[in-house]
Amino acid sequence: MDSSNSSKRIGIVVNTIVLLLLITLLVVYYFKIDRDSTVYIQSFSEMLDSYIENRVGVVTELSKEMTINGVDYSQHLRIGPNFYLHGISIKGYSLKYVFDENDKLVLLEIPISMIKFPVRDFKIIVEVDGRVVYSSDKGLVGNVVKHRTSLGLADIVTKTEATKYGFFVMISPNPSVFLSNLSITFLIGFVPLIALGFLNNINASKEKDLEKAATALRSIVSDMILRVETGEYVEYEPIETKHLPLLKVQDAIYNLFTRYTEAIAGYKSTTEELENTMAQIEEMQSALEERNFLLINTLAETVELKDIGTGEHSKKVMQLSLALATKLGITDPEELNAIKYGAILHDIGKIGIPDQILLKQGKLTAEEFEVMKSHTILGERVVSQIPGWELVADIVRHHHENIDGSGYPDGLSKGTLSLRAQIVSIVDVFTALTEDRPYRNALTPKEALELMESMVGKKFDTELFGKFKEVIAEQLELVSFLENVNDEMGDSEGGYPA
């Protein structure tokens, strides 16, 4: 009777511990996701405000009647944040904000693709007037925002925040991740203590020798659990006992750990195969990208050989453009790839220019120059055939635009001309000036920069030209250093006895 009462008391204590541990784990988990959601929403809101404050995107002037190029947008736009999603000056969806400044209206469009929220564990929604204008779940963009009570269990930790510029941001745990982590929390709380409680119930109905055997069994299982947690190989060796219930328990434990060992072995094998497959895919992808680059470079060189008799112009433009992009702090891989391929292919449209114009030695007539100018449009048409190369096409079309609006083919100015196109444009001019052409000799880098300085404020941006001069200075210093090293090595080799 005393043993039975003692076992019941132990059972109550064990169940209480299980409950307290579970509650503790749930509370800790709640505070963790509450803290993470607070950090993520603040970081995202600050990023969104920074984009608007620094006008990251496409800026377009509006009339007071909200018209652009004769199209009336007064039914869609208003001063401040807007829920209207279709692009006006850009393709695709965008966040829109209208500034009222100096008696004129300015529309800022931020492409959805520029706004990144890489955290998989949470779902974020940005809404204006009850409509989703951005979400990590792209399928929600453009939809009416549902009531918060309909978001499900994860809504208990949903955070909301209004940004400085009037957008309403809402963040909540990703339901699938939330439920998965919750399940893991339950398992962490239950598995070890269920085993302990199970053994305790056996002890309640057995004699003293059974209690000793159960104690030994509990010790073995605890040791095996520790080994499982550290990833060691586990093989269960049953203890000797005459009690049938204990034998059944040992059989169950044996089967459990046997299946666990098999599962771990299968998991390791699958993981190794997956790692090998991923490595092969990465190698194939790298080789494919290298081959594609060589093909593209060869195509560009073919056009140049026809035009200026050398296949090195576009390669020089690419190398200097990437150096200038690095100097400007551009790190986005998509943007750097666009600059790389845009520089290589900037003159690809010349393949469609008649030879009598392209290869003419003297000055082109006005009619011939108009034909020559079309190479930017022809080049864009070629590049646009490649999916995902919109940014490359932008460079090919606009590398002859000027910041004062006097360039071609679209007469873009500094406010609407992308930085990537300006980078390739300034490098293209410098490279052309420092190369021999049939109608003139190459200028020195110093002479080219002096000539280009007269174009600042008209063709080139002042700050961009300053950074470009720094890049050229660094390139010249490197060339001078390598020449000195080669000279010293030559002198050293000459000094050895024959």
Protein backbone atom coordinates (compact mmCIF):
# COMPACT_ATOMS: atom_id res chain seq x y z
CA MET A 1 0.00 0.00 0.00
CA ASP A 2 2.83 2.39 0.97
CA SER A 3 4.69 1.52 -2.26
CA SER A 4 1.55 2.16 -4.31
CA ASN A 5 0.97 5.55 -2.67
CA SER A 6 4.61 6.47 -3.18
CA SER A 7 4.37 5.56 -6.87
CA LYS A 8 1.24 7.68 -7.25
CA ARG A 9 2.98 10.63 -5.64
CA ILE A 10 5.95 10.17 -7.95
CA GLY A 11 3.56 10.00 -10.91
CA ILE A 12 1.97 13.29 -9.86
CA VAL A 13 5.38 14.92 -9.53
CA VAL A 14 6.47 13.63 -12.94
CA ASN A 15 3.27 14.85 -14.61
CA THR A 16 3.69 18.25 -12.93
CA ILE A 17 7.27 18.50 -14.18
CA VAL A 18 6.13 17.60 -17.71
CA LEU A 19 3.47 20.31 -17.60
CA LEU A 20 5.81 22.96 -16.14
CA LEU A 21 8.54 22.15 -18.64
CA LEU A 22 6.09 22.34 -21.52
CA ILE A 23 4.74 25.69 -20.31
CA THR A 24 8.28 27.02 -19.86
CA LEU A 25 9.27 25.96 -23.37
CA LEU A 26 6.16 27.55 -24.83
CA VAL A 27 6.77 30.82 -22.97
CA VAL A 28 10.43 30.91 -24.07
CA TYR A 29 9.40 30.19 -27.67
CA TYR A 30 6.74 32.91 -27.55
CA PHE A 31 9.18 35.56 -26.29
CA LYS A 32 11.74 34.49 -28.92
CA ILE A 33 9.41 34.95 -31.88
CA ASP A 34 7.99 38.13 -30.30
CA ARG A 35 11.51 39.56 -30.09
CA ASP A 36 12.45 38.43 -33.61
CA SER A 37 9.29 39.85 -35.15
CA THR A 38 9.93 43.20 -33.44
CA VAL A 39 13.50 43.35 -34.79
CA TYR A 40 12.48 42.31 -38.32
CA ILE A 41 9.56 44.75 -38.63
CA GLN A 42 11.67 47.66 -37.38
CA SER A 43 14.51 46.78 -39.75
CA PHE A 44 12.12 46.40 -42.70
CA SER A 45 10.26 49.64 -41.92
CA GLU A 46 13.56 51.54 -41.68
CA MET A 47 14.67 50.09 -45.02
CA LEU A 48 11.36 51.15 -46.64
CA ASP A 49 11.64 54.67 -45.20
CA SER A 50 15.27 54.85 -46.37
CA TYR A 51 14.24 53.94 -49.93
CA ILE A 52 11.62 56.70 -49.98
CA GLU A 53 13.80 59.30 -48.24
CA ASN A 54 16.70 58.64 -50.61
CA ARG A 55 14.34 58.23 -53.59
CA VAL A 56 15.59 54.82 -54.56
CA GLY A 57 13.68 53.94 -57.71
CA VAL A 58 12.30 55.80 -60.73
CA VAL A 59 11.32 59.46 -60.22
CA THR A 60 8.77 61.08 -62.55
CA GLU A 61 7.37 64.60 -62.46
CA LEU A 62 3.58 64.94 -62.35
CA SER A 63 1.36 67.83 -63.22
CA LYS A 64 -0.93 69.24 -60.53
CA GLU A 65 -3.76 67.39 -62.30
CA MET A 66 -1.91 64.09 -61.78
CA THR A 67 -1.18 63.50 -65.48
CA ILE A 68 1.86 61.90 -67.09
CA ASN A 69 2.34 62.15 -70.85
CA GLY A 70 -1.30 63.14 -71.22
CA VAL A 71 -2.61 60.17 -69.21
CA ASP A 72 -4.83 61.04 -66.22
CA TYR A 73 -3.88 59.19 -63.01
CA SER A 74 -5.92 61.32 -60.64
CA GLN A 75 -8.27 58.37 -59.98
CA HIS A 76 -5.35 56.22 -58.89
CA LEU A 77 -2.72 58.46 -57.30
CA ARG A 78 -2.68 60.84 -54.39
CA ILE A 79 -0.03 62.73 -52.42
CA GLY A 80 1.76 60.33 -50.07
CA PRO A 81 1.68 56.51 -50.24
CA ASN A 82 -0.51 54.88 -52.90
CA PHE A 83 -2.09 51.45 -53.25
CA TYR A 84 -2.20 51.63 -57.09
CA LEU A 85 0.23 48.88 -58.12
CA HIS A 86 0.66 48.83 -61.91
CA GLY A 87 3.90 50.45 -63.09
CA ILE A 88 3.68 53.86 -64.73
CA SER A 89 7.29 54.65 -65.63
CA ILE A 90 8.54 51.09 -65.04
CA LYS A 91 7.39 47.59 -65.86
CA GLY A 92 5.64 45.36 -63.36
CA TYR A 93 4.33 46.25 -59.91
CA SER A 94 5.85 48.97 -57.76
CA LEU A 95 5.38 50.88 -54.52
CA LYS A 96 4.37 54.46 -55.27
CA TYR A 97 4.83 57.63 -53.27
CA VAL A 98 3.91 61.14 -54.45
CA PHE A 99 5.86 64.14 -53.08
CA ASP A 100 4.48 67.68 -53.14
CA GLU A 101 7.45 70.01 -53.26
CA ASN A 102 8.22 73.41 -54.71
CA ASP A 103 4.77 73.74 -56.33
CA LYS A 104 5.20 70.53 -58.29
CA LEU A 105 4.39 66.86 -57.79
CA VAL A 106 6.99 64.12 -58.00
CA LEU A 107 6.16 60.41 -58.31
CA LEU A 108 8.63 57.88 -56.87
CA GLU A 109 8.20 54.31 -58.06
CA ILE A 110 10.10 51.57 -56.19
CA PRO A 111 10.07 48.27 -58.14
CA ILE A 112 8.79 45.36 -56.05
CA SER A 113 11.92 43.40 -57.08
CA MET A 114 14.14 45.92 -55.21
CA ILE A 115 12.40 45.28 -51.87
CA LYS A 116 13.82 42.21 -50.18
CA PHE A 117 12.59 40.40 -47.06
CA PRO A 118 14.76 37.26 -46.94
CA VAL A 119 13.58 35.83 -43.59
CA ARG A 120 11.68 32.57 -44.26
CA ASP A 121 10.36 32.18 -40.71
CA PHE A 122 8.11 35.23 -40.97
CA LYS A 123 5.56 36.60 -43.41
CA ILE A 124 5.45 40.35 -43.98
CA ILE A 125 2.73 42.47 -45.55
CA VAL A 126 2.83 46.16 -46.51
CA GLU A 127 -0.57 47.74 -47.10
CA VAL A 128 -2.03 51.06 -48.06
CA ASP A 129 -5.76 51.73 -47.55
CA GLY A 130 -6.45 48.07 -46.91
CA ARG A 131 -4.69 46.71 -50.01
CA VAL A 132 -1.44 44.70 -50.08
CA VAL A 133 1.32 46.55 -51.98
CA TYR A 134 4.17 44.23 -50.96
CA SER A 135 4.45 40.84 -49.30
CA SER A 136 7.06 38.12 -48.94
CA ASP A 137 4.19 35.93 -50.22
CA LYS A 138 4.00 37.31 -53.78
CA GLY A 139 0.52 35.86 -54.28
CA LEU A 140 -0.91 38.37 -51.80
CA VAL A 141 0.30 41.48 -53.70
CA GLY A 142 -2.69 43.47 -54.93
CA ASN A 143 -5.23 41.69 -52.71
CA VAL A 144 -7.43 43.28 -50.08
CA VAL A 145 -5.94 42.77 -46.59
CA LYS A 146 -7.88 40.19 -44.56
CA HIS A 147 -8.93 40.82 -41.00
CA ARG A 148 -6.18 39.98 -38.56
CA THR A 149 -8.36 37.44 -36.79
CA SER A 150 -8.39 35.37 -39.95
CA LEU A 151 -4.62 34.94 -40.10
CA GLY A 152 -4.74 31.88 -37.85
CA LEU A 153 -2.88 30.69 -34.78
CA ALA A 154 0.29 32.64 -35.64
CA ASP A 155 -1.66 35.90 -35.28
CA ILE A 156 -1.07 35.90 -31.50
CA VAL A 157 2.41 37.30 -32.20
CA THR A 158 1.55 39.50 -35.19
CA LYS A 159 3.28 42.88 -35.09
CA THR A 160 2.16 46.04 -36.88
CA GLU A 161 3.92 49.32 -37.47
CA ALA A 162 3.23 52.47 -39.48
CA THR A 163 6.30 53.75 -41.32
CA LYS A 164 7.43 57.37 -41.33
CA TYR A 165 6.00 57.81 -44.82
CA GLY A 166 2.58 56.30 -44.12
CA PHE A 167 2.87 52.66 -45.19
CA PHE A 168 1.34 50.11 -42.79
CA VAL A 169 3.57 47.08 -42.15
CA MET A 170 2.33 43.83 -40.59
CA ILE A 171 4.54 40.83 -39.74
CA SER A 172 3.58 37.41 -38.42
CA PRO A 173 5.26 34.00 -38.21
CA ASN A 174 5.03 31.84 -41.31
CA PRO A 175 2.24 29.36 -40.36
CA SER A 176 4.08 26.25 -41.57
CA VAL A 177 7.31 27.23 -39.78
CA PHE A 178 5.34 28.28 -36.69
CA LEU A 179 3.55 24.91 -36.42
CA SER A 180 6.77 23.01 -37.16
CA ASN A 181 8.67 24.81 -34.38
CA LEU A 182 5.71 24.38 -32.05
CA SER A 183 5.71 20.63 -32.72
CA ILE A 184 9.43 20.44 -32.03
CA THR A 185 8.85 22.34 -28.77
CA PHE A 186 6.26 19.77 -27.72
CA LEU A 187 8.61 16.90 -28.60
CA ILE A 188 11.49 18.43 -26.65
CA GLY A 189 9.24 18.76 -23.63
CA PHE A 190 7.60 15.35 -23.81
CA VAL A 191 9.97 12.66 -25.11
CA PRO A 192 12.44 12.30 -22.21
CA LEU A 193 9.83 12.72 -19.48
CA ILE A 194 7.31 10.34 -21.08
CA ALA A 195 9.99 7.64 -21.01
CA LEU A 196 10.63 8.44 -17.33
CA GLY A 197 6.92 8.36 -16.51
CA PHE A 198 6.45 5.10 -18.37
CA LEU A 199 9.18 3.43 -16.35
CA ASN A 200 7.73 4.86 -13.15
CA ASN A 201 4.31 3.25 -13.90
CA ILE A 202 6.03 -0.10 -14.34
CA ASN A 203 7.71 0.30 -10.95
CA ALA A 204 4.33 0.96 -9.32
CA SER A 205 3.12 -2.62 -10.02
CA LYS A 206 6.27 -4.64 -9.45
CA GLU A 207 8.19 -6.05 -6.53
CA LYS A 208 11.57 -4.97 -5.25
CA ASP A 209 13.57 -6.94 -7.84
CA LEU A 210 11.44 -5.42 -10.62
CA GLU A 211 12.18 -1.98 -9.24
CA LYS A 212 15.92 -2.74 -9.41
CA ALA A 213 15.59 -3.98 -12.98
CA ALA A 214 13.55 -0.92 -13.95
CA THR A 215 16.18 1.34 -12.37
CA ALA A 216 18.88 -0.36 -14.41
CA LEU A 217 16.77 -0.09 -17.54
CA ARG A 218 16.10 3.61 -16.93
CA SER A 219 19.84 4.21 -16.61
CA ILE A 220 20.52 2.44 -19.91
CA VAL A 221 17.81 4.36 -21.74
CA SER A 222 19.01 7.69 -20.34
CA ASP A 223 22.53 6.94 -21.53
CA MET A 224 21.23 5.96 -24.98
CA ILE A 225 19.20 9.17 -25.22
CA LEU A 226 22.35 11.18 -24.49
CA ARG A 227 24.19 9.27 -27.19
CA VAL A 228 21.34 9.83 -29.62
CA GLU A 229 21.46 13.57 -28.95
CA THR A 230 25.18 13.62 -29.77
CA GLY A 231 24.64 11.62 -32.98
CA GLU A 232 26.46 8.47 -31.83
CA TYR A 233 25.65 4.97 -33.07
CA VAL A 234 23.15 3.32 -30.69
CA GLU A 235 22.61 -0.40 -30.19
CA TYR A 236 20.33 -1.56 -27.38
CA GLU A 237 21.39 -4.56 -25.29
CA PRO A 238 18.45 -5.84 -23.14
CA ILE A 239 18.96 -6.64 -19.47
CA GLU A 240 18.08 -10.07 -18.06
CA THR A 241 14.72 -10.26 -16.32
CA LYS A 242 11.91 -12.78 -15.71
CA HIS A 243 9.13 -10.20 -15.75
CA LEU A 244 7.06 -10.36 -18.92
CA PRO A 245 5.98 -6.67 -18.92
CA LEU A 246 9.59 -5.59 -18.62
CA LEU A 247 10.60 -7.90 -21.48
CA LYS A 248 7.91 -6.31 -23.65
CA VAL A 249 9.16 -2.87 -22.75
CA GLN A 250 12.68 -3.86 -23.71
CA ASP A 251 11.45 -5.24 -27.02
CA ALA A 252 9.72 -1.92 -27.76
CA ILE A 253 12.87 0.05 -26.85
CA TYR A 254 14.97 -2.26 -28.99
CA ASN A 255 12.67 -1.74 -31.99
CA LEU A 256 12.61 2.02 -31.42
CA PHE A 257 16.37 2.43 -31.36
CA THR A 258 16.88 -0.07 -34.19
CA ARG A 259 14.55 1.95 -36.42
CA TYR A 260 16.23 5.13 -35.27
CA THR A 261 19.66 3.77 -36.24
CA GLU A 262 18.35 2.70 -39.64
CA ALA A 263 16.72 6.08 -40.16
CA ILE A 264 19.92 7.94 -39.25
CA ALA A 265 21.94 5.75 -41.63
CA GLY A 266 19.43 6.43 -44.40
CA TYR A 267 19.45 10.14 -43.62
CA LYS A 268 23.26 10.30 -43.76
CA SER A 269 23.30 8.42 -47.05
CA THR A 270 20.63 10.67 -48.55
CA THR A 271 22.43 13.77 -47.29
CA GLU A 272 25.71 12.66 -48.85
CA GLU A 273 24.00 11.94 -52.18
CA LEU A 274 22.25 15.31 -52.06
CA GLU A 275 25.51 17.12 -51.30
CA ASN A 276 27.23 15.34 -54.18
CA THR A 277 24.35 16.18 -56.52
CA MET A 278 24.36 19.83 -55.46
CA ALA A 279 28.11 20.03 -56.00
CA GLN A 280 27.70 18.60 -59.50
CA ILE A 281 24.87 21.04 -60.26
CA GLU A 282 27.00 23.97 -59.08
CA GLU A 283 29.91 22.81 -61.25
CA MET A 284 27.60 22.45 -64.26
CA GLN A 285 26.05 25.87 -63.57
CA SER A 286 29.49 27.47 -63.31
CA ALA A 287 30.63 25.83 -66.54
CA LEU A 288 27.41 26.87 -68.30
CA GLU A 289 27.78 30.49 -67.15
CA GLU A 290 31.41 30.51 -68.30
CA ARG A 291 30.43 29.09 -71.69
CA ASN A 292 27.60 31.58 -72.09
CA PHE A 293 29.94 34.44 -71.20
CA LEU A 294 32.48 33.25 -73.78
CA LEU A 295 29.75 33.02 -76.44
CA ILE A 296 28.46 36.50 -75.60
CA ASN A 297 31.97 37.93 -75.53
CA THR A 298 32.76 36.31 -78.87
CA LEU A 299 29.60 37.81 -80.38
CA ALA A 300 30.55 41.27 -79.11
CA GLU A 301 34.12 40.89 -80.42
CA THR A 302 32.77 39.86 -83.83
CA VAL A 303 30.83 43.13 -84.08
CA GLU A 304 33.87 45.13 -82.93
CA LEU A 305 36.19 43.46 -85.45
CA LYS A 306 33.79 44.64 -88.14
CA ASP A 307 33.54 48.15 -86.67
CA ILE A 308 36.95 49.19 -85.26
CA GLY A 309 39.19 46.25 -86.13
CA THR A 310 39.77 45.07 -82.57
CA GLY A 311 37.88 42.74 -80.24
CA GLU A 312 39.17 44.25 -77.01
CA HIS A 313 36.98 47.37 -76.71
CA SER A 314 33.97 45.76 -74.99
CA LYS A 315 36.20 43.71 -72.70
CA LYS A 316 37.95 46.90 -71.53
CA VAL A 317 34.59 48.61 -71.05
CA MET A 318 33.38 45.65 -68.96
CA GLN A 319 36.47 45.58 -66.72
CA LEU A 320 36.45 49.34 -66.06
CA SER A 321 32.65 49.39 -65.55
CA LEU A 322 32.86 46.70 -62.88
CA ALA A 323 35.74 48.54 -61.20
CA LEU A 324 33.69 51.76 -61.17
CA ALA A 325 30.61 49.92 -59.84
CA THR A 326 32.74 48.54 -57.00
CA LYS A 327 34.10 52.01 -56.27
CA LEU A 328 30.48 53.25 -56.02
CA GLY A 329 29.64 50.54 -53.47
CA ILE A 330 27.33 48.49 -55.72
CA THR A 331 27.14 44.95 -54.30
CA ASP A 332 23.81 43.61 -55.63
CA PRO A 333 24.72 40.53 -57.76
CA GLU A 334 21.83 41.21 -60.16
CA GLU A 335 23.01 44.79 -60.72
CA LEU A 336 26.67 43.74 -61.16
CA ASN A 337 25.66 41.05 -63.68
CA ALA A 338 23.63 43.63 -65.62
CA ILE A 339 26.65 45.97 -65.76
CA LYS A 340 28.93 43.10 -66.80
CA TYR A 341 26.79 41.89 -69.70
CA GLY A 342 25.51 45.37 -70.60
CA ALA A 343 29.11 46.55 -71.01
CA ILE A 344 30.03 43.54 -73.15
CA LEU A 345 26.97 43.93 -75.40
CA HIS A 346 26.52 47.73 -75.41
CA ASP A 347 27.30 48.02 -79.15
CA ILE A 348 25.70 44.73 -80.27
CA GLY A 349 23.12 46.71 -82.25
CA LYS A 350 25.83 47.78 -84.72
CA ILE A 351 25.45 44.36 -86.30
CA GLY A 352 22.33 45.81 -87.95
CA ILE A 353 24.00 49.01 -89.27
CA PRO A 354 24.85 48.97 -93.01
CA ASP A 355 28.59 48.69 -93.73
CA GLN A 356 28.66 51.87 -95.83
CA ILE A 357 27.68 53.81 -92.72
CA LEU A 358 29.41 51.76 -90.02
CA LEU A 359 32.76 51.66 -91.86
CA LYS A 360 32.65 55.18 -93.32
CA GLN A 361 35.99 56.98 -92.82
CA GLY A 362 34.70 60.54 -92.97
CA LYS A 363 32.04 62.42 -91.04
CA LEU A 364 28.51 60.99 -91.23
CA THR A 365 25.71 63.01 -92.77
CA ALA A 366 22.68 63.89 -90.62
CA GLU A 367 20.70 61.08 -92.26
CA GLU A 368 23.54 58.59 -91.77
CA PHE A 369 23.94 59.62 -88.13
CA GLU A 370 20.24 58.96 -87.52
CA VAL A 371 20.74 55.44 -88.87
CA MET A 372 23.84 55.00 -86.69
CA LYS A 373 21.89 56.14 -83.59
CA SER A 374 19.42 53.29 -84.16
CA HIS A 375 22.06 50.76 -83.03
CA THR A 376 20.96 51.37 -79.42
CA ILE A 377 17.36 50.39 -80.25
CA LEU A 378 18.46 47.43 -82.38
CA GLY A 379 20.73 46.27 -79.57
CA GLU A 380 17.93 46.49 -77.01
CA ARG A 381 15.71 44.46 -79.33
CA VAL A 382 18.34 41.69 -79.48
CA VAL A 383 19.05 41.64 -75.74
CA SER A 384 15.36 41.81 -74.76
CA GLN A 385 14.86 38.37 -76.28
CA ILE A 386 16.71 36.88 -73.28
CA PRO A 387 14.34 36.40 -70.28
CA GLY A 388 15.39 38.31 -67.16
CA TRP A 389 17.73 40.68 -69.00
CA GLU A 390 15.63 43.84 -68.59
CA LEU A 391 18.49 45.61 -66.75
CA VAL A 392 20.98 44.62 -69.46
CA ALA A 393 18.58 45.93 -72.12
CA ASP A 394 18.39 49.24 -70.22
CA ILE A 395 22.17 49.68 -70.53
CA VAL A 396 22.26 48.71 -74.22
CA ARG A 397 19.48 51.19 -75.07
CA HIS A 398 20.63 54.11 -72.93
CA HIS A 399 24.46 54.09 -72.97
CA HIS A 400 24.39 57.14 -75.28
CA GLU A 401 22.04 59.21 -73.10
CA ASN A 402 23.32 62.42 -71.41
CA ILE A 403 22.36 63.74 -67.98
CA ASP A 404 21.19 67.04 -69.52
CA GLY A 405 18.70 65.20 -71.77
CA SER A 406 20.61 65.80 -75.02
CA GLY A 407 21.45 62.15 -75.67
CA TYR A 408 19.64 59.45 -77.65
CA PRO A 409 17.43 57.51 -78.27
CA ASP A 410 15.00 58.68 -75.53
CA GLY A 411 16.46 61.99 -74.36
CA LEU A 412 16.62 60.82 -70.72
CA SER A 413 18.09 63.13 -68.09
CA LYS A 414 19.81 62.51 -64.75
CA GLY A 415 16.54 62.00 -62.89
CA THR A 416 15.38 59.17 -65.16
CA LEU A 417 18.68 57.72 -66.38
CA SER A 418 19.80 54.65 -64.44
CA LEU A 419 23.17 54.64 -62.69
CA ARG A 420 24.13 51.41 -64.47
CA ALA A 421 23.68 53.08 -67.89
CA GLN A 422 25.69 56.14 -66.74
CA ILE A 423 28.54 53.87 -65.59
CA VAL A 424 28.84 52.08 -68.95
CA SER A 425 28.44 55.39 -70.83
CA ILE A 426 31.35 57.19 -69.11
CA VAL A 427 33.62 54.12 -69.41
CA ASP A 428 32.69 53.67 -73.10
CA VAL A 429 33.69 57.27 -73.90
CA PHE A 430 37.02 56.99 -72.05
CA THR A 431 37.88 53.64 -73.66
CA ALA A 432 37.05 54.92 -77.15
CA LEU A 433 39.20 58.05 -76.64
CA THR A 434 42.23 56.00 -75.51
CA GLU A 435 42.06 53.60 -78.48
CA ASP A 436 43.47 54.09 -81.98
CA ARG A 437 40.81 54.68 -84.61
CA PRO A 438 41.22 55.00 -88.43
CA TYR A 439 40.44 58.73 -88.25
CA ARG A 440 42.63 59.63 -85.20
CA ASN A 441 45.35 58.37 -82.85
CA ALA A 442 44.60 57.27 -79.28
CA LEU A 443 44.71 59.89 -76.54
CA THR A 444 46.64 59.33 -73.33
CA PRO A 445 44.51 58.67 -70.22
CA LYS A 446 45.35 62.18 -68.98
CA GLU A 447 44.34 63.80 -72.29
CA ALA A 448 41.13 61.77 -72.38
CA LEU A 449 40.16 62.80 -68.84
CA GLU A 450 40.89 66.46 -69.60
CA LEU A 451 38.63 66.29 -72.66
CA MET A 452 35.88 64.47 -70.72
CA GLU A 453 36.01 67.05 -67.94
CA SER A 454 34.55 69.59 -70.36
CA MET A 455 31.52 67.28 -70.71
CA VAL A 456 30.77 67.17 -66.95
CA GLY A 457 27.34 68.59 -66.17
CA LYS A 458 26.20 67.94 -69.74
CA LYS A 459 27.05 64.35 -70.56
CA PHE A 460 28.39 63.11 -67.20
CA ASP A 461 27.39 63.55 -63.57
CA THR A 462 29.97 65.46 -61.47
CA GLU A 463 30.15 62.96 -58.62
CA LEU A 464 30.28 59.99 -61.00
CA PHE A 465 33.14 61.59 -62.97
CA GLY A 466 35.06 62.16 -59.71
CA LYS A 467 34.76 58.47 -58.77
CA PHE A 468 35.76 57.47 -62.30
CA LYS A 469 38.95 59.55 -62.08
CA GLU A 470 39.81 57.71 -58.85
CA VAL A 471 39.37 54.36 -60.64
CA ILE A 472 41.62 55.46 -63.52
CA ALA A 473 44.26 56.73 -61.06
CA GLU A 474 44.26 53.37 -59.26
CA GLN A 475 44.52 51.50 -62.59
CA LEU A 476 47.48 53.65 -63.67
CA GLU A 477 49.21 53.16 -60.31
CA LEU A 478 48.79 49.37 -60.63
CA VAL A 479 50.20 49.37 -64.18
CA SER A 480 53.17 51.49 -63.04
CA PHE A 481 53.80 49.16 -60.10
CA LEU A 482 53.75 46.03 -62.30
CA GLU A 483 56.12 47.67 -64.81
CA ASN A 484 58.56 48.51 -62.00
CA VAL A 485 58.37 44.94 -60.69
CA ASN A 486 59.05 43.55 -64.16
CA ASP A 487 61.99 45.94 -64.59
CA GLU A 488 63.47 44.89 -61.24
CA MET A 489 63.04 41.20 -62.06
CA GLY A 490 64.73 41.79 -65.41
CA ASP A 491 67.69 43.56 -63.75
CA SER A 492 67.95 40.76 -61.18
CA GLU A 493 67.97 38.04 -63.80
CA GLY A 494 70.54 39.96 -65.81
CA GLY A 495 72.85 40.01 -62.80
CA TYR A 496 73.15 36.23 -62.50
CA PRO A 497 76.44 34.72 -63.73
CA ALA A 498 76.20 32.79 -66.97
